[in-house]
Amino acid sequence: MICAVSDWGRFLREVSWFLRPGEAVEVGASRAWTRGAVDGLPALSSLLAATTVTPVSVGGEPYELLAWGAADERRGWLCRPPQDGDVGAVSGAHESFWKVCGGIVERFGEPDTWWTNQNEVLTVEATRVGVAEVLADYAWLWEDNGLTLPVRPEDYYAVAVEANGNLTLAHRTDGRLLLFAPDHAFAHVTPLAGCPPYSLLTLDHVPDLTGWIEQCATAWR
């Protein structure tokens, strides 16, 4: 008799580096999604409606493994639990997202999206990155080209942190999206007006955080 591999088992098979040797793990019972839809995010809501949730504790840290798909095509996200505390000003779409999910720290069975190779996606940890300090450290990108930074850094916060340090930024009030990527090989990006290449970029056809979340959720579905 062949036993089916659990979602947690599939996750560990694909993300084998996540657990450190000897780290304590507790895996709870899997259950269907019960948190309902997310306001203003229909593609994400459709994806979540098909999700199985497995609570997991790793080294005392709580996570949720969200997974979906046919038995031989499972894929999913390892997430923080929903975030309901006060962590500063974030866009409305982000606040809605946090009511059901605290953000993504790992993925398995991943399609190619804007979330690929990101260490933090929509997490509190991402929002704590000092955007103003990062841009100040790279002020020479503009100075060497006779330019000045065309945005107010304090108006933006990080919604994703790539493994190499590139940052996806969202405007705190209207969710406008920018990518700060001095080291990248992205297609479908354009330098922001008044910016040199490999600095602040816009994402072609993805103007804001809502579109970014919806496009990625559609690819995962």
C-alpha atoms as a PDB file:
ATOM      1  CA  MET A   1       0.000   0.000   0.000  1.00  0.00           C
ATOM      2  CA  ILE A   2       1.391   3.407  -1.021  1.00  0.00           C
ATOM      3  CA  CYS A   3       0.873   6.176   1.517  1.00  0.00           C
ATOM      4  CA  ALA A   4       0.173   9.663   0.186  1.00  0.00           C
ATOM      5  CA  VAL A   5       2.812  12.280   0.941  1.00  0.00           C
ATOM      6  CA  SER A   6       1.489  15.096   3.122  1.00  0.00           C
ATOM      7  CA  ASP A   7       1.766  18.725   2.077  1.00  0.00           C
ATOM      8  CA  TRP A   8       4.395  19.223   4.788  1.00  0.00           C
ATOM      9  CA  GLY A   9       6.313  16.235   3.443  1.00  0.00           C
ATOM     10  CA  ARG A  10       6.212  17.670  -0.070  1.00  0.00           C
ATOM     11  CA  PHE A  11       7.366  21.043   1.235  1.00  0.00           C
ATOM     12  CA  LEU A  12      10.368  19.500   3.033  1.00  0.00           C
ATOM     13  CA  ARG A  13      11.258  17.440  -0.021  1.00  0.00           C
ATOM     14  CA  GLU A  14      11.489  20.583  -2.168  1.00  0.00           C
ATOM     15  CA  VAL A  15      12.721  23.064   0.472  1.00  0.00           C
ATOM     16  CA  SER A  16      15.105  20.754   2.309  1.00  0.00           C
ATOM     17  CA  TRP A  17      17.254  23.624   3.598  1.00  0.00           C
ATOM     18  CA  PHE A  18      14.455  25.172   5.645  1.00  0.00           C
ATOM     19  CA  LEU A  19      14.899  23.010   8.752  1.00  0.00           C
ATOM     20  CA  ARG A  20      18.101  23.265  10.760  1.00  0.00           C
ATOM     21  CA  PRO A  21      19.526  20.058  12.290  1.00  0.00           C
ATOM     22  CA  GLY A  22      17.756  19.175  15.533  1.00  0.00           C
ATOM     23  CA  GLU A  23      15.114  21.880  15.173  1.00  0.00           C
ATOM     24  CA  ALA A  24      11.836  21.036  16.904  1.00  0.00           C
ATOM     25  CA  VAL A  25       8.833  20.701  14.590  1.00  0.00           C
ATOM     26  CA  GLU A  26       5.156  20.259  15.385  1.00  0.00           C
ATOM     27  CA  VAL A  27       2.691  19.661  12.550  1.00  0.00           C
ATOM     28  CA  GLY A  28      -1.036  20.049  13.191  1.00  0.00           C
ATOM     29  CA  ALA A  29      -4.016  18.586  11.390  1.00  0.00           C
ATOM     30  CA  SER A  30      -4.698  19.897   7.888  1.00  0.00           C
ATOM     31  CA  ARG A  31      -8.014  21.602   7.251  1.00  0.00           C
ATOM     32  CA  ALA A  32      -9.904  23.391   4.513  1.00  0.00           C
ATOM     33  CA  TRP A  33      -9.750  27.173   4.132  1.00  0.00           C
ATOM     34  CA  THR A  34     -12.369  28.865   6.325  1.00  0.00           C
ATOM     35  CA  ARG A  35     -11.355  32.555   6.326  1.00  0.00           C
ATOM     36  CA  GLY A  36     -13.380  33.539   3.307  1.00  0.00           C
ATOM     37  CA  ALA A  37     -12.571  36.019   0.561  1.00  0.00           C
ATOM     38  CA  VAL A  38     -10.242  39.020   0.638  1.00  0.00           C
ATOM     39  CA  ASP A  39     -11.790  42.385  -0.195  1.00  0.00           C
ATOM     40  CA  GLY A  40     -10.628  43.725  -3.553  1.00  0.00           C
ATOM     41  CA  LEU A  41      -8.528  40.641  -4.409  1.00  0.00           C
ATOM     42  CA  PRO A  42     -10.744  38.201  -6.362  1.00  0.00           C
ATOM     43  CA  ALA A  43      -7.939  36.123  -7.911  1.00  0.00           C
ATOM     44  CA  LEU A  44      -6.295  35.660  -4.530  1.00  0.00           C
ATOM     45  CA  SER A  45      -9.674  34.826  -2.987  1.00  0.00           C
ATOM     46  CA  SER A  46     -10.300  32.147  -5.622  1.00  0.00           C
ATOM     47  CA  LEU A  47      -6.896  30.610  -4.936  1.00  0.00           C
ATOM     48  CA  LEU A  48      -7.411  30.612  -1.177  1.00  0.00           C
ATOM     49  CA  ALA A  49     -10.860  29.046  -1.494  1.00  0.00           C
ATOM     50  CA  ALA A  50      -9.157  25.916  -2.859  1.00  0.00           C
ATOM     51  CA  THR A  51      -6.481  25.879  -0.151  1.00  0.00           C
ATOM     52  CA  THR A  52      -5.662  23.320   2.505  1.00  0.00           C
ATOM     53  CA  VAL A  53      -4.117  24.844   5.653  1.00  0.00           C
ATOM     54  CA  THR A  54      -1.617  22.930   7.789  1.00  0.00           C
ATOM     55  CA  PRO A  55      -0.488  24.642  11.022  1.00  0.00           C
ATOM     56  CA  VAL A  56       3.214  24.126  11.743  1.00  0.00           C
ATOM     57  CA  SER A  57       5.532  25.196  14.556  1.00  0.00           C
ATOM     58  CA  VAL A  58       9.266  25.276  13.772  1.00  0.00           C
ATOM     59  CA  GLY A  59      11.641  26.064  16.620  1.00  0.00           C
ATOM     60  CA  GLY A  60       8.718  27.602  18.476  1.00  0.00           C
ATOM     61  CA  GLU A  61       7.808  29.890  15.541  1.00  0.00           C
ATOM     62  CA  PRO A  62       4.235  29.485  14.225  1.00  0.00           C
ATOM     63  CA  TYR A  63       3.647  29.061  10.499  1.00  0.00           C
ATOM     64  CA  GLU A  64       0.864  27.936   8.197  1.00  0.00           C
ATOM     65  CA  LEU A  65       1.461  25.830   5.104  1.00  0.00           C
ATOM     66  CA  LEU A  66      -1.103  26.769   2.466  1.00  0.00           C
ATOM     67  CA  ALA A  67      -1.336  24.251  -0.383  1.00  0.00           C
ATOM     68  CA  TRP A  68      -3.613  23.374  -3.280  1.00  0.00           C
ATOM     69  CA  GLY A  69      -3.762  21.401  -6.516  1.00  0.00           C
ATOM     70  CA  ALA A  70      -4.227  17.787  -7.571  1.00  0.00           C
ATOM     71  CA  ALA A  71      -2.514  15.075  -5.509  1.00  0.00           C
ATOM     72  CA  ASP A  72       0.386  14.788  -7.962  1.00  0.00           C
ATOM     73  CA  GLU A  73       0.650  18.551  -8.596  1.00  0.00           C
ATOM     74  CA  ARG A  74       0.573  20.098  -5.126  1.00  0.00           C
ATOM     75  CA  ARG A  75       2.102  23.513  -4.622  1.00  0.00           C
ATOM     76  CA  GLY A  76       1.949  26.103  -1.897  1.00  0.00           C
ATOM     77  CA  TRP A  77       3.333  28.711   0.474  1.00  0.00           C
ATOM     78  CA  LEU A  78       4.816  28.571   3.952  1.00  0.00           C
ATOM     79  CA  CYS A  79       3.312  31.627   5.632  1.00  0.00           C
ATOM     80  CA  ARG A  80       3.216  33.611   8.813  1.00  0.00           C
ATOM     81  CA  PRO A  81      -0.164  33.523  10.605  1.00  0.00           C
ATOM     82  CA  PRO A  82      -2.595  36.385   9.922  1.00  0.00           C
ATOM     83  CA  GLN A  83      -1.325  39.763  11.130  1.00  0.00           C
ATOM     84  CA  ASP A  84      -3.657  41.944  13.169  1.00  0.00           C
ATOM     85  CA  GLY A  85      -1.282  44.143  15.165  1.00  0.00           C
ATOM     86  CA  ASP A  86      -0.285  47.739  14.490  1.00  0.00           C
ATOM     87  CA  VAL A  87       2.923  47.692  12.427  1.00  0.00           C
ATOM     88  CA  GLY A  88       2.688  51.095  10.780  1.00  0.00           C
ATOM     89  CA  ALA A  89       1.122  52.523   7.641  1.00  0.00           C
ATOM     90  CA  VAL A  90       0.667  50.029   4.811  1.00  0.00           C
ATOM     91  CA  SER A  91      -1.593  50.130   1.762  1.00  0.00           C
ATOM     92  CA  GLY A  92      -5.218  49.038   1.944  1.00  0.00           C
ATOM     93  CA  ALA A  93      -4.587  45.936  -0.179  1.00  0.00           C
ATOM     94  CA  HIS A  94      -1.854  44.876   2.222  1.00  0.00           C
ATOM     95  CA  GLU A  95      -4.092  45.355   5.243  1.00  0.00           C
ATOM     96  CA  SER A  96      -6.743  43.175   3.586  1.00  0.00           C
ATOM     97  CA  PHE A  97      -4.150  40.497   2.827  1.00  0.00           C
ATOM     98  CA  TRP A  98      -2.927  40.450   6.430  1.00  0.00           C
ATOM     99  CA  LYS A  99      -6.402  39.638   7.730  1.00  0.00           C
ATOM    100  CA  VAL A 100      -6.060  36.140   6.262  1.00  0.00           C
ATOM    101  CA  CYS A 101      -2.298  35.626   5.829  1.00  0.00           C
ATOM    102  CA  GLY A 102       0.787  37.107   7.459  1.00  0.00           C
ATOM    103  CA  GLY A 103       2.957  36.799   4.352  1.00  0.00           C
ATOM    104  CA  ILE A 104       5.063  34.206   2.543  1.00  0.00           C
ATOM    105  CA  VAL A 105       8.535  33.036   3.610  1.00  0.00           C
ATOM    106  CA  GLU A 106       9.006  29.923   1.407  1.00  0.00           C
ATOM    107  CA  ARG A 107       7.251  28.247  -1.527  1.00  0.00           C
ATOM    108  CA  PHE A 108       7.133  24.821  -3.172  1.00  0.00           C
ATOM    109  CA  GLY A 109       5.959  23.771  -6.636  1.00  0.00           C
ATOM    110  CA  GLU A 110       6.518  27.374  -7.631  1.00  0.00           C
ATOM    111  CA  PRO A 111       5.613  28.902 -11.014  1.00  0.00           C
ATOM    112  CA  ASP A 112       7.639  31.827 -12.315  1.00  0.00           C
ATOM    113  CA  THR A 113       6.172  35.044 -10.866  1.00  0.00           C
ATOM    114  CA  TRP A 114       7.316  38.330  -9.324  1.00  0.00           C
ATOM    115  CA  TRP A 115       7.593  36.376  -6.057  1.00  0.00           C
ATOM    116  CA  THR A 116      10.274  33.996  -7.366  1.00  0.00           C
ATOM    117  CA  ASN A 117      13.549  34.171  -5.419  1.00  0.00           C
ATOM    118  CA  GLN A 118      12.029  36.391  -2.720  1.00  0.00           C
ATOM    119  CA  ASN A 119      12.933  35.698   0.917  1.00  0.00           C
ATOM    120  CA  GLU A 120       9.992  37.720   2.262  1.00  0.00           C
ATOM    121  CA  VAL A 121       6.701  38.465   0.520  1.00  0.00           C
ATOM    122  CA  LEU A 122       4.113  40.694   2.235  1.00  0.00           C
ATOM    123  CA  THR A 123       5.488  39.921   5.710  1.00  0.00           C
ATOM    124  CA  VAL A 124       5.957  42.253   8.676  1.00  0.00           C
ATOM    125  CA  GLU A 125       9.680  41.505   8.397  1.00  0.00           C
ATOM    126  CA  ALA A 126       9.729  42.978   4.884  1.00  0.00           C
ATOM    127  CA  THR A 127       8.024  46.181   6.037  1.00  0.00           C
ATOM    128  CA  ARG A 128      10.769  46.714   8.634  1.00  0.00           C
ATOM    129  CA  VAL A 129      13.478  47.174   5.999  1.00  0.00           C
ATOM    130  CA  GLY A 130      14.822  50.722   6.173  1.00  0.00           C
ATOM    131  CA  VAL A 131      13.935  51.926   2.675  1.00  0.00           C
ATOM    132  CA  ALA A 132      15.239  55.455   3.261  1.00  0.00           C
ATOM    133  CA  GLU A 133      18.555  54.111   4.528  1.00  0.00           C
ATOM    134  CA  VAL A 134      18.926  51.736   1.562  1.00  0.00           C
ATOM    135  CA  LEU A 135      18.250  54.483  -0.965  1.00  0.00           C
ATOM    136  CA  ALA A 136      20.639  56.835   0.856  1.00  0.00           C
ATOM    137  CA  ASP A 137      23.380  54.203   0.560  1.00  0.00           C
ATOM    138  CA  TYR A 138      22.779  54.125  -3.203  1.00  0.00           C
ATOM    139  CA  ALA A 139      22.446  57.899  -3.689  1.00  0.00           C
ATOM    140  CA  TRP A 140      25.510  57.747  -5.946  1.00  0.00           C
ATOM    141  CA  LEU A 141      23.407  56.029  -8.629  1.00  0.00           C
ATOM    142  CA  TRP A 142      21.574  59.315  -9.155  1.00  0.00           C
ATOM    143  CA  GLU A 143      24.461  61.677  -8.327  1.00  0.00           C
ATOM    144  CA  ASP A 144      26.791  60.036 -10.868  1.00  0.00           C
ATOM    145  CA  ASN A 145      24.166  60.681 -13.549  1.00  0.00           C
ATOM    146  CA  GLY A 146      23.443  64.270 -12.538  1.00  0.00           C
ATOM    147  CA  LEU A 147      20.038  63.284 -11.178  1.00  0.00           C
ATOM    148  CA  THR A 148      18.206  63.536  -7.882  1.00  0.00           C
ATOM    149  CA  LEU A 149      15.965  60.921  -6.322  1.00  0.00           C
ATOM    150  CA  PRO A 150      12.444  61.668  -7.686  1.00  0.00           C
ATOM    151  CA  VAL A 151      10.446  60.100  -4.818  1.00  0.00           C
ATOM    152  CA  ARG A 152      10.143  60.602  -1.075  1.00  0.00           C
ATOM    153  CA  PRO A 153      11.577  57.386   0.435  1.00  0.00           C
ATOM    154  CA  GLU A 154       9.388  57.705   3.526  1.00  0.00           C
ATOM    155  CA  ASP A 155       6.295  57.358   1.323  1.00  0.00           C
ATOM    156  CA  TYR A 156       7.276  53.786   0.423  1.00  0.00           C
ATOM    157  CA  TYR A 157       7.835  50.549   2.301  1.00  0.00           C
ATOM    158  CA  ALA A 158       9.111  47.104   1.280  1.00  0.00           C
ATOM    159  CA  VAL A 159       6.562  44.419   0.405  1.00  0.00           C
ATOM    160  CA  ALA A 160       9.148  41.884  -0.797  1.00  0.00           C
ATOM    161  CA  VAL A 161      12.844  41.289  -0.187  1.00  0.00           C
ATOM    162  CA  GLU A 162      14.769  39.322  -2.802  1.00  0.00           C
ATOM    163  CA  ALA A 163      17.594  36.977  -1.873  1.00  0.00           C
ATOM    164  CA  ASN A 164      20.154  39.376  -3.392  1.00  0.00           C
ATOM    165  CA  GLY A 165      18.725  42.387  -1.564  1.00  0.00           C
ATOM    166  CA  ASN A 166      16.526  43.887  -4.284  1.00  0.00           C
ATOM    167  CA  LEU A 167      13.346  45.396  -2.849  1.00  0.00           C
ATOM    168  CA  THR A 168       9.792  45.619  -4.124  1.00  0.00           C
ATOM    169  CA  LEU A 169       8.274  48.819  -2.732  1.00  0.00           C
ATOM    170  CA  ALA A 170       4.664  49.945  -2.333  1.00  0.00           C
ATOM    171  CA  HIS A 171       3.368  53.449  -1.706  1.00  0.00           C
ATOM    172  CA  ARG A 172       1.828  53.621   1.741  1.00  0.00           C
ATOM    173  CA  THR A 173      -1.425  55.257   0.636  1.00  0.00           C
ATOM    174  CA  ASP A 174      -2.214  54.307  -2.959  1.00  0.00           C
ATOM    175  CA  GLY A 175      -0.152  51.109  -3.321  1.00  0.00           C
ATOM    176  CA  ARG A 176       1.851  52.303  -6.349  1.00  0.00           C
ATOM    177  CA  LEU A 177       4.603  49.784  -6.977  1.00  0.00           C
ATOM    178  CA  LEU A 178       8.332  50.310  -7.536  1.00  0.00           C
ATOM    179  CA  LEU A 179      11.225  47.899  -7.761  1.00  0.00           C
ATOM    180  CA  PHE A 180      14.614  48.922  -6.378  1.00  0.00           C
ATOM    181  CA  ALA A 181      16.970  46.591  -8.205  1.00  0.00           C
ATOM    182  CA  PRO A 182      20.620  47.616  -8.642  1.00  0.00           C
ATOM    183  CA  ASP A 183      21.341  43.912  -9.370  1.00  0.00           C
ATOM    184  CA  HIS A 184      18.741  42.260 -11.584  1.00  0.00           C
ATOM    185  CA  ALA A 185      17.959  40.361 -14.778  1.00  0.00           C
ATOM    186  CA  PHE A 186      14.232  41.161 -14.842  1.00  0.00           C
ATOM    187  CA  ALA A 187      12.313  41.544 -18.052  1.00  0.00           C
ATOM    188  CA  HIS A 188       9.208  43.724 -18.303  1.00  0.00           C
ATOM    189  CA  VAL A 189      10.564  46.552 -16.160  1.00  0.00           C
ATOM    190  CA  THR A 190      11.218  50.211 -17.030  1.00  0.00           C
ATOM    191  CA  PRO A 191      13.357  52.795 -15.188  1.00  0.00           C
ATOM    192  CA  LEU A 192      11.197  55.279 -13.298  1.00  0.00           C
ATOM    193  CA  ALA A 193      11.266  58.754 -14.871  1.00  0.00           C
ATOM    194  CA  GLY A 194      14.321  60.608 -13.573  1.00  0.00           C
ATOM    195  CA  CYS A 195      16.138  57.403 -12.620  1.00  0.00           C
ATOM    196  CA  PRO A 196      19.109  55.608 -14.198  1.00  0.00           C
ATOM    197  CA  PRO A 197      18.920  51.940 -15.195  1.00  0.00           C
ATOM    198  CA  TYR A 198      19.342  49.450 -12.345  1.00  0.00           C
ATOM    199  CA  SER A 199      17.863  51.726  -9.724  1.00  0.00           C
ATOM    200  CA  LEU A 200      14.143  52.435  -9.250  1.00  0.00           C
ATOM    201  CA  LEU A 201      11.999  50.661 -11.814  1.00  0.00           C
ATOM    202  CA  THR A 202       8.327  50.320 -12.630  1.00  0.00           C
ATOM    203  CA  LEU A 203       6.833  46.930 -13.466  1.00  0.00           C
ATOM    204  CA  ASP A 204       5.290  46.940 -16.933  1.00  0.00           C
ATOM    205  CA  HIS A 205       1.496  46.394 -16.725  1.00  0.00           C
ATOM    206  CA  VAL A 206       1.647  45.997 -12.909  1.00  0.00           C
ATOM    207  CA  PRO A 207       1.152  49.521 -11.539  1.00  0.00           C
ATOM    208  CA  ASP A 208       0.188  48.789  -7.966  1.00  0.00           C
ATOM    209  CA  LEU A 209       0.160  46.288  -5.120  1.00  0.00           C
ATOM    210  CA  THR A 210      -3.312  45.000  -5.941  1.00  0.00           C
ATOM    211  CA  GLY A 211      -2.270  44.129  -9.499  1.00  0.00           C
ATOM    212  CA  TRP A 212       0.949  42.521  -8.257  1.00  0.00           C
ATOM    213  CA  ILE A 213      -0.870  40.253  -5.808  1.00  0.00           C
ATOM    214  CA  GLU A 214      -3.594  39.387  -8.317  1.00  0.00           C
ATOM    215  CA  GLN A 215      -1.153  38.581 -11.139  1.00  0.00           C
ATOM    216  CA  CYS A 216       0.905  36.304  -8.913  1.00  0.00           C
ATOM    217  CA  ALA A 217      -2.155  34.600  -7.409  1.00  0.00           C
ATOM    218  CA  THR A 218      -3.465  33.883 -10.905  1.00  0.00           C
ATOM    219  CA  ALA A 219      -0.187  32.198 -11.857  1.00  0.00           C
ATOM    220  CA  TRP A 220      -0.279  30.038  -8.713  1.00  0.00           C
ATOM    221  CA  ARG A 221      -3.867  28.941  -9.373  1.00  0.00           C
END
